[in-house]
Amino acid sequence: MTNPISQFVKGFFYPLKAGRLLRLHPSLIRFIIIPFAINISVFGLVVYLGLSIFQTTVFPLIPQRDVWYWVILGWLFWVLAVLITAILVFFTFTVIGVLIASPFNDLLSERTEEALVGKRHDEPFVFRAFLADVRKIIINEGKKILLFVLGMALLLFLNLIPVLGPILYSILSLLFTIFFLVVEYTGYFLSRKRLTFRDQRRFIFSRPLLMLGFGSGVLCLLAVPFLQLLCIPLAVIGATQLCHETTVPGLQETAESVRHIKKGE
């Protein structure tokens, strides 16, 4: 599996392998119910708002003429407006859905790791303890999302460069989105191992094609209508399985050293 193409393909199918893991460990399904309900609510709200904006703002601008070339132009405007609306819905759903469901995704990732190592979680679920971690998780997720939005905003300036700018923007924005997806979903596992964001980046960039494949697989799932509702929990499970099955040199040593420092040893 050291072949670059094999690495990319292996990473690409990790989100899909999550379905097989769910069949082997059906107890994980109960940790998907709440994120799935959140995703449906967010998706429905975003689509409703997107269509409302489209009807009130874009639709009046579409020419309504009987001449054949105006009819063709009108259809082109429709197609362009629908595509723009779909893109806005895609990014809004991704950002908001991930932010709101992040505490539940962290719990799902933890239970997935336990299923992979064959360790049962003996401690009962305490909702109060869960709420105590929610604030920290949401703040961390908010920082990631803010960096993603700022990065995408900065990349927009590339379009000011004639000819080459739009091409560079298309390529770099796609790669940046894939990088964000990889950081987002592997972060649940790696953060539990007490790895800093710098160490997480090193882990990702030390396996570029594997991670590129994983991010591309998640992006493809997000682009499929209705399947995107299950994409987030599948990506969380897939990323946890990927990190678990990938040898991370010094990962446990890094975690232990951090614990010793915190204890003052």
C-alpha atoms as a PDB file:
ATOM      1  CA  MET A   1       0.000   0.000   0.000  1.00  0.00           C
ATOM      2  CA  THR A   2       3.024   2.304  -0.409  1.00  0.00           C
ATOM      3  CA  ASN A   3       1.968   3.034  -3.982  1.00  0.00           C
ATOM      4  CA  PRO A   4       0.748   6.686  -4.163  1.00  0.00           C
ATOM      5  CA  ILE A   5      -2.411   5.746  -6.057  1.00  0.00           C
ATOM      6  CA  SER A   6      -3.159   2.949  -3.588  1.00  0.00           C
ATOM      7  CA  GLN A   7      -2.746   5.377  -0.701  1.00  0.00           C
ATOM      8  CA  PHE A   8      -5.189   7.830  -2.276  1.00  0.00           C
ATOM      9  CA  VAL A   9      -7.746   5.096  -3.007  1.00  0.00           C
ATOM     10  CA  LYS A  10      -7.377   3.679   0.497  1.00  0.00           C
ATOM     11  CA  GLY A  11      -8.064   7.065   2.044  1.00  0.00           C
ATOM     12  CA  PHE A  12     -10.937   7.756  -0.341  1.00  0.00           C
ATOM     13  CA  PHE A  13     -12.913   4.724   0.803  1.00  0.00           C
ATOM     14  CA  TYR A  14     -12.534   5.247   4.553  1.00  0.00           C
ATOM     15  CA  PRO A  15     -15.822   7.228   4.802  1.00  0.00           C
ATOM     16  CA  LEU A  16     -17.592   4.383   3.000  1.00  0.00           C
ATOM     17  CA  LYS A  17     -15.956   1.740   5.206  1.00  0.00           C
ATOM     18  CA  ALA A  18     -17.721   3.400   8.123  1.00  0.00           C
ATOM     19  CA  GLY A  19     -20.950   1.746   6.983  1.00  0.00           C
ATOM     20  CA  ARG A  20     -19.368  -1.690   7.372  1.00  0.00           C
ATOM     21  CA  LEU A  21     -18.130  -0.772  10.845  1.00  0.00           C
ATOM     22  CA  LEU A  22     -21.666   0.253  11.798  1.00  0.00           C
ATOM     23  CA  ARG A  23     -22.943  -3.163  10.735  1.00  0.00           C
ATOM     24  CA  LEU A  24     -20.290  -4.880  12.855  1.00  0.00           C
ATOM     25  CA  HIS A  25     -20.951  -2.608  15.836  1.00  0.00           C
ATOM     26  CA  PRO A  26     -24.625  -1.601  15.736  1.00  0.00           C
ATOM     27  CA  SER A  27     -24.313  -0.047  19.201  1.00  0.00           C
ATOM     28  CA  LEU A  28     -22.672   2.938  17.487  1.00  0.00           C
ATOM     29  CA  ILE A  29     -25.934   3.789  15.735  1.00  0.00           C
ATOM     30  CA  ARG A  30     -27.427   5.322  18.865  1.00  0.00           C
ATOM     31  CA  PHE A  31     -24.622   7.892  18.884  1.00  0.00           C
ATOM     32  CA  ILE A  32     -25.579   8.928  15.346  1.00  0.00           C
ATOM     33  CA  ILE A  33     -29.259   9.621  16.020  1.00  0.00           C
ATOM     34  CA  ILE A  34     -28.818  13.086  17.557  1.00  0.00           C
ATOM     35  CA  PRO A  35     -26.214  14.328  15.009  1.00  0.00           C
ATOM     36  CA  PHE A  36     -28.410  12.956  12.222  1.00  0.00           C
ATOM     37  CA  ALA A  37     -31.435  14.837  13.566  1.00  0.00           C
ATOM     38  CA  ILE A  38     -29.325  17.991  13.826  1.00  0.00           C
ATOM     39  CA  ASN A  39     -28.098  17.560  10.257  1.00  0.00           C
ATOM     40  CA  ILE A  40     -31.645  17.145   8.933  1.00  0.00           C
ATOM     41  CA  SER A  41     -32.798  20.269  10.772  1.00  0.00           C
ATOM     42  CA  VAL A  42     -29.846  22.357   9.613  1.00  0.00           C
ATOM     43  CA  PHE A  43     -30.086  21.068   6.041  1.00  0.00           C
ATOM     44  CA  GLY A  44     -33.817  21.774   5.846  1.00  0.00           C
ATOM     45  CA  LEU A  45     -33.377  25.278   7.250  1.00  0.00           C
ATOM     46  CA  VAL A  46     -30.474  26.106   4.918  1.00  0.00           C
ATOM     47  CA  VAL A  47     -32.316  24.818   1.836  1.00  0.00           C
ATOM     48  CA  TYR A  48     -35.437  26.781   2.809  1.00  0.00           C
ATOM     49  CA  LEU A  49     -33.459  29.992   3.309  1.00  0.00           C
ATOM     50  CA  GLY A  50     -31.505  29.403   0.092  1.00  0.00           C
ATOM     51  CA  LEU A  51     -34.662  28.932  -1.964  1.00  0.00           C
ATOM     52  CA  SER A  52     -36.301  31.952  -0.299  1.00  0.00           C
ATOM     53  CA  ILE A  53     -33.337  34.167  -1.172  1.00  0.00           C
ATOM     54  CA  PHE A  54     -33.338  32.744  -4.686  1.00  0.00           C
ATOM     55  CA  GLN A  55     -37.007  33.514  -5.224  1.00  0.00           C
ATOM     56  CA  THR A  56     -36.935  37.009  -3.739  1.00  0.00           C
ATOM     57  CA  THR A  57     -33.560  38.218  -5.010  1.00  0.00           C
ATOM     58  CA  VAL A  58     -32.473  36.219  -8.043  1.00  0.00           C
ATOM     59  CA  PHE A  59     -35.768  35.293  -9.693  1.00  0.00           C
ATOM     60  CA  PRO A  60     -36.818  38.932 -10.413  1.00  0.00           C
ATOM     61  CA  LEU A  61     -33.529  39.463 -12.265  1.00  0.00           C
ATOM     62  CA  ILE A  62     -34.146  36.616 -14.695  1.00  0.00           C
ATOM     63  CA  PRO A  63     -35.487  38.051 -17.982  1.00  0.00           C
ATOM     64  CA  GLN A  64     -39.066  37.064 -18.790  1.00  0.00           C
ATOM     65  CA  ARG A  65     -39.345  37.490 -22.583  1.00  0.00           C
ATOM     66  CA  ASP A  66     -41.030  35.457 -25.317  1.00  0.00           C
ATOM     67  CA  VAL A  67     -38.169  35.834 -27.789  1.00  0.00           C
ATOM     68  CA  TRP A  68     -36.323  32.548 -28.178  1.00  0.00           C
ATOM     69  CA  TYR A  69     -32.878  33.881 -27.241  1.00  0.00           C
ATOM     70  CA  TRP A  70     -34.272  35.476 -24.081  1.00  0.00           C
ATOM     71  CA  VAL A  71     -35.815  32.108 -23.182  1.00  0.00           C
ATOM     72  CA  ILE A  72     -32.423  30.420 -23.570  1.00  0.00           C
ATOM     73  CA  LEU A  73     -30.737  33.193 -21.576  1.00  0.00           C
ATOM     74  CA  GLY A  74     -33.380  32.840 -18.880  1.00  0.00           C
ATOM     75  CA  TRP A  75     -32.706  29.115 -18.555  1.00  0.00           C
ATOM     76  CA  LEU A  76     -28.975  29.807 -18.317  1.00  0.00           C
ATOM     77  CA  PHE A  77     -29.648  32.265 -15.501  1.00  0.00           C
ATOM     78  CA  TRP A  78     -31.752  29.624 -13.765  1.00  0.00           C
ATOM     79  CA  VAL A  79     -28.984  27.031 -14.017  1.00  0.00           C
ATOM     80  CA  LEU A  80     -26.337  29.483 -12.801  1.00  0.00           C
ATOM     81  CA  ALA A  81     -28.498  30.675  -9.903  1.00  0.00           C
ATOM     82  CA  VAL A  82     -29.324  27.114  -8.842  1.00  0.00           C
ATOM     83  CA  LEU A  83     -25.634  26.168  -8.909  1.00  0.00           C
ATOM     84  CA  ILE A  84     -24.674  29.192  -6.817  1.00  0.00           C
ATOM     85  CA  THR A  85     -27.481  28.444  -4.364  1.00  0.00           C
ATOM     86  CA  ALA A  86     -26.363  24.797  -4.146  1.00  0.00           C
ATOM     87  CA  ILE A  87     -22.781  25.860  -3.410  1.00  0.00           C
ATOM     88  CA  LEU A  88     -23.928  28.242  -0.692  1.00  0.00           C
ATOM     89  CA  VAL A  89     -26.145  25.535   0.807  1.00  0.00           C
ATOM     90  CA  PHE A  90     -23.223  23.073   0.683  1.00  0.00           C
ATOM     91  CA  PHE A  91     -20.778  25.314   2.544  1.00  0.00           C
ATOM     92  CA  THR A  92     -23.360  26.621   5.008  1.00  0.00           C
ATOM     93  CA  PHE A  93     -24.571  23.121   5.817  1.00  0.00           C
ATOM     94  CA  THR A  94     -21.000  21.884   6.248  1.00  0.00           C
ATOM     95  CA  VAL A  95     -19.962  24.721   8.551  1.00  0.00           C
ATOM     96  CA  ILE A  96     -23.105  25.000  10.697  1.00  0.00           C
ATOM     97  CA  GLY A  97     -23.784  21.264  10.829  1.00  0.00           C
ATOM     98  CA  VAL A  98     -20.245  20.490  11.982  1.00  0.00           C
ATOM     99  CA  LEU A  99     -20.283  23.248  14.601  1.00  0.00           C
ATOM    100  CA  ILE A 100     -23.608  22.294  16.201  1.00  0.00           C
ATOM    101  CA  ALA A 101     -23.012  18.542  16.112  1.00  0.00           C
ATOM    102  CA  SER A 102     -19.343  18.711  17.200  1.00  0.00           C
ATOM    103  CA  PRO A 103     -19.899  17.561  20.840  1.00  0.00           C
ATOM    104  CA  PHE A 104     -21.860  14.530  19.630  1.00  0.00           C
ATOM    105  CA  ASN A 105     -19.260  13.836  16.945  1.00  0.00           C
ATOM    106  CA  ASP A 106     -16.535  13.792  19.583  1.00  0.00           C
ATOM    107  CA  LEU A 107     -18.545  11.248  21.581  1.00  0.00           C
ATOM    108  CA  LEU A 108     -19.121   9.176  18.438  1.00  0.00           C
ATOM    109  CA  SER A 109     -15.395   9.196  17.665  1.00  0.00           C
ATOM    110  CA  GLU A 110     -14.576   8.059  21.203  1.00  0.00           C
ATOM    111  CA  ARG A 111     -17.047   5.172  21.069  1.00  0.00           C
ATOM    112  CA  THR A 112     -15.776   4.206  17.605  1.00  0.00           C
ATOM    113  CA  GLU A 113     -12.222   3.960  18.897  1.00  0.00           C
ATOM    114  CA  GLU A 114     -13.405   1.784  21.780  1.00  0.00           C
ATOM    115  CA  ALA A 115     -15.167  -0.505  19.307  1.00  0.00           C
ATOM    116  CA  LEU A 116     -11.986  -0.768  17.231  1.00  0.00           C
ATOM    117  CA  VAL A 117      -9.721  -1.647  20.152  1.00  0.00           C
ATOM    118  CA  GLY A 118     -12.317  -3.963  21.701  1.00  0.00           C
ATOM    119  CA  LYS A 119     -12.590  -1.929  24.875  1.00  0.00           C
ATOM    120  CA  ARG A 120     -16.016  -1.443  26.411  1.00  0.00           C
ATOM    121  CA  HIS A 121     -16.987   1.855  27.989  1.00  0.00           C
ATOM    122  CA  ASP A 122     -17.924   0.840  31.509  1.00  0.00           C
ATOM    123  CA  GLU A 123     -18.697   4.323  32.836  1.00  0.00           C
ATOM    124  CA  PRO A 124     -22.337   5.360  32.409  1.00  0.00           C
ATOM    125  CA  PHE A 125     -23.144   8.324  30.223  1.00  0.00           C
ATOM    126  CA  VAL A 126     -23.530  11.408  32.440  1.00  0.00           C
ATOM    127  CA  PHE A 127     -25.286  14.241  30.695  1.00  0.00           C
ATOM    128  CA  ARG A 128     -23.893  16.849  33.101  1.00  0.00           C
ATOM    129  CA  ALA A 129     -20.324  15.748  32.403  1.00  0.00           C
ATOM    130  CA  PHE A 130     -21.108  15.774  28.702  1.00  0.00           C
ATOM    131  CA  LEU A 131     -22.345  19.374  28.923  1.00  0.00           C
ATOM    132  CA  ALA A 132     -19.135  20.357  30.696  1.00  0.00           C
ATOM    133  CA  ASP A 133     -17.154  19.382  27.605  1.00  0.00           C
ATOM    134  CA  VAL A 134     -19.552  20.996  25.123  1.00  0.00           C
ATOM    135  CA  ARG A 135     -18.306  24.558  25.617  1.00  0.00           C
ATOM    136  CA  LYS A 136     -14.654  23.628  25.068  1.00  0.00           C
ATOM    137  CA  ILE A 137     -15.414  21.547  21.985  1.00  0.00           C
ATOM    138  CA  ILE A 138     -17.621  24.215  20.396  1.00  0.00           C
ATOM    139  CA  ILE A 139     -14.985  26.903  21.000  1.00  0.00           C
ATOM    140  CA  ASN A 140     -12.294  24.772  19.346  1.00  0.00           C
ATOM    141  CA  GLU A 141     -14.579  23.973  16.420  1.00  0.00           C
ATOM    142  CA  GLY A 142     -15.483  27.632  16.105  1.00  0.00           C
ATOM    143  CA  LYS A 143     -11.806  28.546  15.786  1.00  0.00           C
ATOM    144  CA  LYS A 144     -11.295  25.968  13.029  1.00  0.00           C
ATOM    145  CA  ILE A 145     -14.350  27.164  11.128  1.00  0.00           C
ATOM    146  CA  LEU A 146     -13.323  30.811  11.499  1.00  0.00           C
ATOM    147  CA  LEU A 147      -9.897  30.020  10.026  1.00  0.00           C
ATOM    148  CA  PHE A 148     -11.590  28.158   7.172  1.00  0.00           C
ATOM    149  CA  VAL A 149     -13.921  31.066   6.381  1.00  0.00           C
ATOM    150  CA  LEU A 150     -11.052  33.586   6.549  1.00  0.00           C
ATOM    151  CA  GLY A 151      -8.910  31.393   4.319  1.00  0.00           C
ATOM    152  CA  MET A 152     -11.652  31.062   1.723  1.00  0.00           C
ATOM    153  CA  ALA A 153     -12.231  34.833   1.848  1.00  0.00           C
ATOM    154  CA  LEU A 154      -8.539  35.524   1.218  1.00  0.00           C
ATOM    155  CA  LEU A 155      -8.488  33.097  -1.694  1.00  0.00           C
ATOM    156  CA  LEU A 156     -11.268  35.120  -3.354  1.00  0.00           C
ATOM    157  CA  PHE A 157      -8.741  37.853  -4.095  1.00  0.00           C
ATOM    158  CA  LEU A 158      -7.015  35.494  -6.536  1.00  0.00           C
ATOM    159  CA  ASN A 159      -9.921  36.124  -8.907  1.00  0.00           C
ATOM    160  CA  LEU A 160      -8.599  39.661  -9.385  1.00  0.00           C
ATOM    161  CA  ILE A 161      -5.620  38.230 -11.287  1.00  0.00           C
ATOM    162  CA  PRO A 162      -6.518  38.144 -15.006  1.00  0.00           C
ATOM    163  CA  VAL A 163      -6.850  34.733 -16.673  1.00  0.00           C
ATOM    164  CA  LEU A 164      -4.698  32.765 -14.224  1.00  0.00           C
ATOM    165  CA  GLY A 165      -6.484  33.977 -11.083  1.00  0.00           C
ATOM    166  CA  PRO A 166      -9.771  32.053 -11.450  1.00  0.00           C
ATOM    167  CA  ILE A 167      -7.850  28.867 -12.266  1.00  0.00           C
ATOM    168  CA  LEU A 168      -5.649  29.238  -9.186  1.00  0.00           C
ATOM    169  CA  TYR A 169      -8.683  30.036  -7.065  1.00  0.00           C
ATOM    170  CA  SER A 170     -10.540  26.917  -8.220  1.00  0.00           C
ATOM    171  CA  ILE A 171      -7.590  24.634  -7.481  1.00  0.00           C
ATOM    172  CA  LEU A 172      -6.510  26.179  -4.189  1.00  0.00           C
ATOM    173  CA  SER A 173     -10.034  26.564  -2.788  1.00  0.00           C
ATOM    174  CA  LEU A 174     -10.702  22.889  -3.546  1.00  0.00           C
ATOM    175  CA  LEU A 175      -7.476  21.786  -1.841  1.00  0.00           C
ATOM    176  CA  PHE A 176      -8.133  24.098   1.100  1.00  0.00           C
ATOM    177  CA  THR A 177     -11.629  22.660   1.531  1.00  0.00           C
ATOM    178  CA  ILE A 178     -10.245  19.117   1.475  1.00  0.00           C
ATOM    179  CA  PHE A 179      -7.602  20.117   4.027  1.00  0.00           C
ATOM    180  CA  PHE A 180     -10.294  21.587   6.277  1.00  0.00           C
ATOM    181  CA  LEU A 181     -12.344  18.385   6.080  1.00  0.00           C
ATOM    182  CA  VAL A 182      -9.312  16.281   6.988  1.00  0.00           C
ATOM    183  CA  VAL A 183      -8.357  18.543   9.910  1.00  0.00           C
ATOM    184  CA  GLU A 184     -11.949  18.639  11.114  1.00  0.00           C
ATOM    185  CA  TYR A 185     -12.657  14.919  11.222  1.00  0.00           C
ATOM    186  CA  THR A 186      -9.239  13.595  12.245  1.00  0.00           C
ATOM    187  CA  GLY A 187      -9.129  16.246  14.954  1.00  0.00           C
ATOM    188  CA  TYR A 188     -11.580  14.377  17.181  1.00  0.00           C
ATOM    189  CA  PHE A 189      -9.221  11.396  17.462  1.00  0.00           C
ATOM    190  CA  LEU A 190      -5.947  13.329  17.548  1.00  0.00           C
ATOM    191  CA  SER A 191      -7.161  15.879  20.100  1.00  0.00           C
ATOM    192  CA  ARG A 192      -8.050  13.040  22.467  1.00  0.00           C
ATOM    193  CA  LYS A 193      -4.414  11.926  22.194  1.00  0.00           C
ATOM    194  CA  ARG A 194      -3.387  15.392  23.422  1.00  0.00           C
ATOM    195  CA  LEU A 195      -1.693  16.317  20.158  1.00  0.00           C
ATOM    196  CA  THR A 196      -1.331  20.027  19.512  1.00  0.00           C
ATOM    197  CA  PHE A 197      -2.601  21.518  16.280  1.00  0.00           C
ATOM    198  CA  ARG A 198       0.985  21.665  15.020  1.00  0.00           C
ATOM    199  CA  ASP A 199       1.446  17.946  15.681  1.00  0.00           C
ATOM    200  CA  GLN A 200      -1.878  17.229  13.987  1.00  0.00           C
ATOM    201  CA  ARG A 201      -0.684  19.078  10.884  1.00  0.00           C
ATOM    202  CA  ARG A 202       2.518  17.043  10.894  1.00  0.00           C
ATOM    203  CA  PHE A 203       0.489  13.851  11.122  1.00  0.00           C
ATOM    204  CA  ILE A 204      -1.644  14.941   8.147  1.00  0.00           C
ATOM    205  CA  PHE A 205       1.193  16.166   5.932  1.00  0.00           C
ATOM    206  CA  SER A 206       3.291  13.071   6.627  1.00  0.00           C
ATOM    207  CA  ARG A 207       0.581  11.094   4.775  1.00  0.00           C
ATOM    208  CA  PRO A 208      -0.455  13.545   2.047  1.00  0.00           C
ATOM    209  CA  LEU A 209      -2.047  11.168  -0.472  1.00  0.00           C
ATOM    210  CA  LEU A 210      -3.831   9.096   2.158  1.00  0.00           C
ATOM    211  CA  MET A 211      -5.312  12.267   3.657  1.00  0.00           C
ATOM    212  CA  LEU A 212      -6.039  13.756   0.237  1.00  0.00           C
ATOM    213  CA  GLY A 213      -7.970  10.628  -0.609  1.00  0.00           C
ATOM    214  CA  PHE A 214      -9.925  10.748   2.645  1.00  0.00           C
ATOM    215  CA  GLY A 215     -10.821  14.414   2.223  1.00  0.00           C
ATOM    216  CA  SER A 216     -11.841  13.816  -1.382  1.00  0.00           C
ATOM    217  CA  GLY A 217     -14.082  10.945  -0.301  1.00  0.00           C
ATOM    218  CA  VAL A 218     -15.807  13.138   2.284  1.00  0.00           C
ATOM    219  CA  LEU A 219     -16.199  15.932  -0.263  1.00  0.00           C
ATOM    220  CA  CYS A 220     -17.830  13.533  -2.733  1.00  0.00           C
ATOM    221  CA  LEU A 221     -20.291  12.337  -0.075  1.00  0.00           C
ATOM    222  CA  LEU A 222     -21.164  15.945   0.749  1.00  0.00           C
ATOM    223  CA  ALA A 223     -21.890  16.594  -2.926  1.00  0.00           C
ATOM    224  CA  VAL A 224     -24.472  13.786  -3.150  1.00  0.00           C
ATOM    225  CA  PRO A 225     -28.003  15.026  -2.323  1.00  0.00           C
ATOM    226  CA  PHE A 226     -29.563  13.482   0.803  1.00  0.00           C
ATOM    227  CA  LEU A 227     -26.502  11.261   1.337  1.00  0.00           C
ATOM    228  CA  GLN A 228     -24.822  14.363   2.741  1.00  0.00           C
ATOM    229  CA  LEU A 229     -27.135  14.050   5.746  1.00  0.00           C
ATOM    230  CA  LEU A 230     -25.180  10.948   6.794  1.00  0.00           C
ATOM    231  CA  CYS A 231     -21.831  12.267   5.627  1.00  0.00           C
ATOM    232  CA  ILE A 232     -20.773  13.890   8.892  1.00  0.00           C
ATOM    233  CA  PRO A 233     -21.164  10.803  11.149  1.00  0.00           C
ATOM    234  CA  LEU A 234     -19.670   8.564   8.434  1.00  0.00           C
ATOM    235  CA  ALA A 235     -16.707  10.924   8.130  1.00  0.00           C
ATOM    236  CA  VAL A 236     -16.209  10.925  11.917  1.00  0.00           C
ATOM    237  CA  ILE A 237     -16.202   7.120  12.047  1.00  0.00           C
ATOM    238  CA  GLY A 238     -14.025   6.850   8.938  1.00  0.00           C
ATOM    239  CA  ALA A 239     -11.476   9.358  10.243  1.00  0.00           C
ATOM    240  CA  THR A 240     -11.302   7.594  13.609  1.00  0.00           C
ATOM    241  CA  GLN A 241     -10.726   4.262  11.887  1.00  0.00           C
ATOM    242  CA  LEU A 242      -8.103   5.819   9.607  1.00  0.00           C
ATOM    243  CA  CYS A 243      -6.169   7.320  12.525  1.00  0.00           C
ATOM    244  CA  HIS A 244      -6.474   4.124  14.540  1.00  0.00           C
ATOM    245  CA  GLU A 245      -5.169   1.926  11.729  1.00  0.00           C
ATOM    246  CA  THR A 246      -2.386   4.329  10.795  1.00  0.00           C
ATOM    247  CA  THR A 247       0.881   3.963  12.674  1.00  0.00           C
ATOM    248  CA  VAL A 248       1.691   7.267  14.337  1.00  0.00           C
ATOM    249  CA  PRO A 249       5.337   7.355  15.465  1.00  0.00           C
ATOM    250  CA  GLY A 250       5.596   8.876  18.898  1.00  0.00           C
ATOM    251  CA  LEU A 251       1.861   9.415  19.273  1.00  0.00           C
ATOM    252  CA  GLN A 252       1.478   7.637  22.588  1.00  0.00           C
ATOM    253  CA  GLU A 253       4.780   9.073  23.839  1.00  0.00           C
ATOM    254  CA  THR A 254       3.554  12.571  23.024  1.00  0.00           C
ATOM    255  CA  ALA A 255       0.302  11.962  24.873  1.00  0.00           C
ATOM    256  CA  GLU A 256       2.096  10.576  27.928  1.00  0.00           C
ATOM    257  CA  SER A 257       4.583  13.467  28.050  1.00  0.00           C
ATOM    258  CA  VAL A 258       1.751  15.973  27.991  1.00  0.00           C
ATOM    259  CA  ARG A 259       0.017  14.172  30.859  1.00  0.00           C
ATOM    260  CA  HIS A 260       3.232  14.197  32.909  1.00  0.00           C
ATOM    261  CA  ILE A 261       3.728  17.925  32.300  1.00  0.00           C
ATOM    262  CA  LYS A 262       0.160  18.668  33.374  1.00  0.00           C
ATOM    263  CA  LYS A 263       0.649  16.612  36.527  1.00  0.00           C
ATOM    264  CA  GLY A 264       3.876  18.468  37.264  1.00  0.00           C
ATOM    265  CA  GLU A 265       6.035  15.385  37.018  1.00  0.00           C
END
